[in-house]
Amino acid sequence: MVGRTYMPTMRLYRDPSKPGALSVDEAFYRRLAEATEERKPALQHVIPKRTGWAWPVRAGQVCRLVAVEGPQVGDLNIWNLHNPRERFWASRTR
């Protein structure tokens, strides 16, 4: 493919016919939610208030974040371990 640019297949996570609705693989996430007996915790950590903590999550692992005490304000920043330019961040008050 000389002179051609590779374009990966794009998947829409929203349905253009239903503004505000997300398109997700519900069967996949249902299987993740129901298959709890097959998993074992690899790590548990409590992050003190006004601090931060980083840890790797490998392909195939599930990361669960739980607020254990009172109302929380948190920022979530995720980077691809092998490509720091690929990132996601969210700031939510819960």
N, C-alpha and C. Protein backbone atom coordinates (compact mmCIF):
# COMPACT_ATOMS: atom_id res chain seq x y z
N MET A 1 0.82 -1.18 0.00
CA MET A 1 0.00 0.00 0.00
C MET A 1 0.86 1.25 0.00
N VAL A 2 1.61 1.45 -0.98
CA VAL A 2 2.46 2.63 -1.07
C VAL A 2 1.59 3.84 -1.38
N GLY A 3 1.78 4.92 -0.62
CA GLY A 3 1.04 6.14 -0.86
C GLY A 3 -0.36 6.18 -0.27
N ARG A 4 -0.77 5.11 0.42
CA ARG A 4 -2.11 5.10 1.01
C ARG A 4 -1.99 5.16 2.52
N THR A 5 -2.90 5.86 3.15
CA THR A 5 -2.92 5.97 4.59
C THR A 5 -3.88 4.94 5.16
N TYR A 6 -3.44 4.23 6.20
CA TYR A 6 -4.30 3.26 6.85
C TYR A 6 -5.32 3.98 7.71
N MET A 7 -6.58 3.68 7.53
CA MET A 7 -7.65 4.27 8.33
C MET A 7 -8.35 3.15 9.09
N PRO A 8 -8.23 3.11 10.40
CA PRO A 8 -8.91 2.05 11.16
C PRO A 8 -10.42 2.19 11.05
N THR A 9 -11.12 1.10 11.26
CA THR A 9 -12.57 1.12 11.26
C THR A 9 -13.05 1.92 12.44
N MET A 10 -13.97 2.83 12.20
CA MET A 10 -14.48 3.68 13.28
C MET A 10 -15.80 3.12 13.78
N ARG A 11 -15.96 3.08 15.08
CA ARG A 11 -17.20 2.61 15.69
C ARG A 11 -17.83 3.78 16.43
N LEU A 12 -19.09 4.04 16.13
CA LEU A 12 -19.80 5.11 16.83
C LEU A 12 -20.29 4.60 18.17
N TYR A 13 -20.05 5.36 19.21
CA TYR A 13 -20.54 5.02 20.53
C TYR A 13 -21.85 5.75 20.83
N ARG A 14 -22.37 6.43 19.86
CA ARG A 14 -23.65 7.09 20.02
C ARG A 14 -24.50 6.78 18.80
N ASP A 15 -25.78 6.83 18.97
CA ASP A 15 -26.72 6.57 17.88
C ASP A 15 -27.20 7.90 17.33
N PRO A 16 -26.81 8.25 16.08
CA PRO A 16 -27.20 9.56 15.52
C PRO A 16 -28.72 9.76 15.48
N SER A 17 -29.50 8.68 15.41
CA SER A 17 -30.95 8.83 15.38
C SER A 17 -31.55 9.07 16.76
N LYS A 18 -30.75 8.86 17.82
CA LYS A 18 -31.21 9.08 19.20
C LYS A 18 -30.19 9.95 19.93
N PRO A 19 -30.25 11.26 19.79
CA PRO A 19 -29.27 12.13 20.45
C PRO A 19 -29.22 11.88 21.95
N GLY A 20 -28.02 11.78 22.48
CA GLY A 20 -27.83 11.56 23.91
C GLY A 20 -27.76 10.09 24.30
N ALA A 21 -28.19 9.19 23.42
CA ALA A 21 -28.15 7.76 23.73
C ALA A 21 -26.82 7.17 23.29
N LEU A 22 -26.26 6.30 24.10
CA LEU A 22 -25.01 5.64 23.75
C LEU A 22 -25.29 4.27 23.15
N SER A 23 -24.42 3.87 22.24
CA SER A 23 -24.52 2.55 21.64
C SER A 23 -23.42 1.69 22.25
N VAL A 24 -23.79 0.70 23.05
CA VAL A 24 -22.81 -0.17 23.70
C VAL A 24 -23.20 -1.62 23.48
N ASP A 25 -22.23 -2.49 23.65
CA ASP A 25 -22.46 -3.92 23.53
C ASP A 25 -23.00 -4.41 24.88
N GLU A 26 -24.32 -4.38 25.05
CA GLU A 26 -24.94 -4.72 26.34
C GLU A 26 -24.65 -6.15 26.76
N ALA A 27 -24.61 -7.09 25.83
CA ALA A 27 -24.35 -8.49 26.17
C ALA A 27 -22.94 -8.64 26.76
N PHE A 28 -21.97 -7.93 26.20
CA PHE A 28 -20.60 -7.99 26.70
C PHE A 28 -20.54 -7.52 28.16
N TYR A 29 -21.14 -6.35 28.44
CA TYR A 29 -21.10 -5.81 29.79
C TYR A 29 -21.94 -6.63 30.76
N ARG A 30 -22.99 -7.27 30.30
CA ARG A 30 -23.78 -8.16 31.15
C ARG A 30 -22.94 -9.36 31.56
N ARG A 31 -22.18 -9.93 30.60
CA ARG A 31 -21.29 -11.06 30.92
C ARG A 31 -20.24 -10.65 31.94
N LEU A 32 -19.67 -9.46 31.80
CA LEU A 32 -18.69 -8.97 32.77
C LEU A 32 -19.30 -8.85 34.16
N ALA A 33 -20.50 -8.33 34.25
CA ALA A 33 -21.16 -8.13 35.54
C ALA A 33 -21.52 -9.44 36.20
N GLU A 34 -21.87 -10.44 35.41
CA GLU A 34 -22.33 -11.71 35.98
C GLU A 34 -21.21 -12.70 36.27
N ALA A 35 -20.03 -12.53 35.70
CA ALA A 35 -18.94 -13.51 35.83
C ALA A 35 -18.03 -13.19 37.01
N THR A 36 -18.59 -12.85 38.15
CA THR A 36 -17.76 -12.44 39.28
C THR A 36 -17.02 -13.60 39.95
N GLU A 37 -17.56 -14.81 39.89
CA GLU A 37 -16.89 -15.95 40.54
C GLU A 37 -15.56 -16.28 39.88
N GLU A 38 -15.43 -15.96 38.61
CA GLU A 38 -14.21 -16.28 37.87
C GLU A 38 -13.07 -15.32 38.16
N ARG A 39 -13.37 -14.20 38.81
CA ARG A 39 -12.35 -13.19 39.07
C ARG A 39 -11.83 -13.27 40.49
N LYS A 40 -10.59 -12.86 40.63
CA LYS A 40 -10.03 -12.71 41.98
C LYS A 40 -9.31 -11.36 42.03
N PRO A 41 -9.42 -10.65 43.15
CA PRO A 41 -8.78 -9.33 43.24
C PRO A 41 -7.27 -9.44 43.09
N ALA A 42 -6.70 -8.61 42.25
CA ALA A 42 -5.25 -8.55 42.09
C ALA A 42 -4.67 -7.50 43.03
N LEU A 43 -5.49 -6.50 43.38
CA LEU A 43 -5.00 -5.38 44.17
C LEU A 43 -6.18 -4.63 44.77
N GLN A 44 -6.04 -4.21 46.00
CA GLN A 44 -7.00 -3.31 46.63
C GLN A 44 -6.21 -2.20 47.30
N HIS A 45 -6.70 -0.98 47.16
CA HIS A 45 -5.96 0.16 47.71
C HIS A 45 -6.96 1.26 48.05
N VAL A 46 -6.79 1.88 49.20
CA VAL A 46 -7.59 3.05 49.57
C VAL A 46 -6.74 4.28 49.31
N ILE A 47 -7.27 5.19 48.53
CA ILE A 47 -6.54 6.42 48.18
C ILE A 47 -6.99 7.51 49.15
N PRO A 48 -6.08 8.02 49.98
CA PRO A 48 -6.46 9.07 50.93
C PRO A 48 -6.96 10.34 50.22
N LYS A 49 -7.80 11.10 50.92
CA LYS A 49 -8.32 12.35 50.37
C LYS A 49 -7.18 13.27 49.95
N ARG A 50 -7.45 14.03 48.91
CA ARG A 50 -6.52 15.04 48.38
C ARG A 50 -5.18 14.46 47.94
N THR A 51 -5.21 13.21 47.50
CA THR A 51 -4.00 12.58 46.98
C THR A 51 -4.34 11.91 45.66
N GLY A 52 -3.40 11.24 45.09
CA GLY A 52 -3.62 10.49 43.86
C GLY A 52 -2.82 9.21 43.89
N TRP A 53 -3.11 8.34 42.97
CA TRP A 53 -2.40 7.07 42.91
C TRP A 53 -2.50 6.52 41.50
N ALA A 54 -1.45 5.90 41.02
CA ALA A 54 -1.44 5.32 39.66
C ALA A 54 -1.12 3.84 39.74
N TRP A 55 -1.72 3.06 38.87
CA TRP A 55 -1.47 1.62 38.81
C TRP A 55 -1.79 1.13 37.40
N PRO A 56 -1.11 0.08 36.96
CA PRO A 56 -1.41 -0.44 35.61
C PRO A 56 -2.60 -1.39 35.64
N VAL A 57 -3.41 -1.33 34.62
CA VAL A 57 -4.51 -2.27 34.41
C VAL A 57 -4.25 -2.91 33.05
N ARG A 58 -4.00 -4.19 33.06
CA ARG A 58 -3.64 -4.91 31.84
C ARG A 58 -4.88 -5.30 31.03
N ALA A 59 -4.69 -5.60 29.77
CA ALA A 59 -5.77 -6.06 28.91
C ALA A 59 -6.43 -7.28 29.53
N GLY A 60 -7.74 -7.29 29.58
CA GLY A 60 -8.48 -8.40 30.16
C GLY A 60 -8.81 -8.22 31.62
N GLN A 61 -8.21 -7.25 32.28
CA GLN A 61 -8.51 -6.99 33.69
C GLN A 61 -9.68 -6.01 33.80
N VAL A 62 -10.39 -6.07 34.91
CA VAL A 62 -11.48 -5.16 35.19
C VAL A 62 -11.05 -4.28 36.35
N CYS A 63 -11.23 -2.98 36.21
CA CYS A 63 -10.88 -2.05 37.28
C CYS A 63 -12.19 -1.50 37.86
N ARG A 64 -12.34 -1.62 39.16
CA ARG A 64 -13.55 -1.14 39.83
C ARG A 64 -13.14 -0.07 40.83
N LEU A 65 -13.75 1.10 40.73
CA LEU A 65 -13.51 2.21 41.65
C LEU A 65 -14.73 2.36 42.53
N VAL A 66 -14.53 2.44 43.85
CA VAL A 66 -15.63 2.52 44.80
C VAL A 66 -15.36 3.65 45.78
N ALA A 67 -16.36 4.51 46.00
CA ALA A 67 -16.26 5.54 47.03
C ALA A 67 -16.67 4.90 48.34
N VAL A 68 -15.74 4.84 49.29
CA VAL A 68 -16.01 4.12 50.54
C VAL A 68 -16.45 5.04 51.68
N GLU A 69 -16.31 6.35 51.51
CA GLU A 69 -16.59 7.24 52.62
C GLU A 69 -17.06 8.60 52.12
N GLY A 70 -18.30 8.94 52.39
CA GLY A 70 -18.83 10.27 52.10
C GLY A 70 -18.89 10.64 50.63
N PRO A 71 -19.39 11.85 50.35
CA PRO A 71 -19.44 12.32 48.96
C PRO A 71 -18.03 12.55 48.44
N GLN A 72 -17.82 12.20 47.21
CA GLN A 72 -16.47 12.28 46.64
C GLN A 72 -16.45 13.18 45.41
N VAL A 73 -15.35 13.85 45.22
CA VAL A 73 -15.05 14.58 44.00
C VAL A 73 -13.79 13.95 43.47
N GLY A 74 -13.80 13.51 42.23
CA GLY A 74 -12.61 12.82 41.73
C GLY A 74 -12.35 13.12 40.27
N ASP A 75 -11.10 13.06 39.91
CA ASP A 75 -10.68 13.15 38.52
C ASP A 75 -10.15 11.79 38.13
N LEU A 76 -10.54 11.32 36.97
CA LEU A 76 -10.06 10.04 36.45
C LEU A 76 -9.25 10.32 35.20
N ASN A 77 -8.01 9.93 35.22
CA ASN A 77 -7.11 10.12 34.08
C ASN A 77 -6.54 8.77 33.70
N ILE A 78 -6.72 8.38 32.45
CA ILE A 78 -6.28 7.07 31.98
C ILE A 78 -5.38 7.26 30.77
N TRP A 79 -4.23 6.59 30.78
CA TRP A 79 -3.31 6.60 29.65
C TRP A 79 -3.06 5.18 29.19
N ASN A 80 -2.81 5.04 27.90
CA ASN A 80 -2.37 3.76 27.35
C ASN A 80 -0.92 3.58 27.80
N LEU A 81 -0.61 2.45 28.43
CA LEU A 81 0.72 2.20 28.97
C LEU A 81 1.81 2.27 27.89
N HIS A 82 1.45 1.89 26.67
CA HIS A 82 2.44 1.83 25.60
C HIS A 82 2.37 3.03 24.65
N ASN A 83 1.36 3.89 24.82
CA ASN A 83 1.23 5.06 23.96
C ASN A 83 0.60 6.19 24.78
N PRO A 84 1.41 7.01 25.46
CA PRO A 84 0.88 8.06 26.33
C PRO A 84 0.04 9.11 25.60
N ARG A 85 0.11 9.15 24.28
CA ARG A 85 -0.73 10.10 23.54
C ARG A 85 -2.19 9.64 23.48
N GLU A 86 -2.41 8.36 23.73
CA GLU A 86 -3.77 7.82 23.79
C GLU A 86 -4.23 7.92 25.24
N ARG A 87 -5.20 8.77 25.50
CA ARG A 87 -5.60 9.03 26.88
C ARG A 87 -7.08 9.35 26.97
N PHE A 88 -7.58 9.26 28.20
CA PHE A 88 -8.97 9.60 28.51
C PHE A 88 -8.96 10.27 29.87
N TRP A 89 -9.77 11.29 30.03
CA TRP A 89 -9.87 11.90 31.34
C TRP A 89 -11.32 12.35 31.58
N ALA A 90 -11.72 12.32 32.83
CA ALA A 90 -13.07 12.74 33.20
C ALA A 90 -13.02 13.33 34.59
N SER A 91 -13.81 14.34 34.80
CA SER A 91 -13.91 14.97 36.12
C SER A 91 -15.38 14.99 36.49
N ARG A 92 -15.72 14.35 37.58
CA ARG A 92 -17.13 14.24 37.98
C ARG A 92 -17.28 14.49 39.48
N THR A 93 -18.38 15.06 39.85
CA THR A 93 -18.72 15.21 41.26
C THR A 93 -19.83 14.23 41.54
N ARG A 94 -19.63 13.36 42.50
CA ARG A 94 -20.64 12.35 42.86
C ARG A 94 -20.87 12.38 44.34
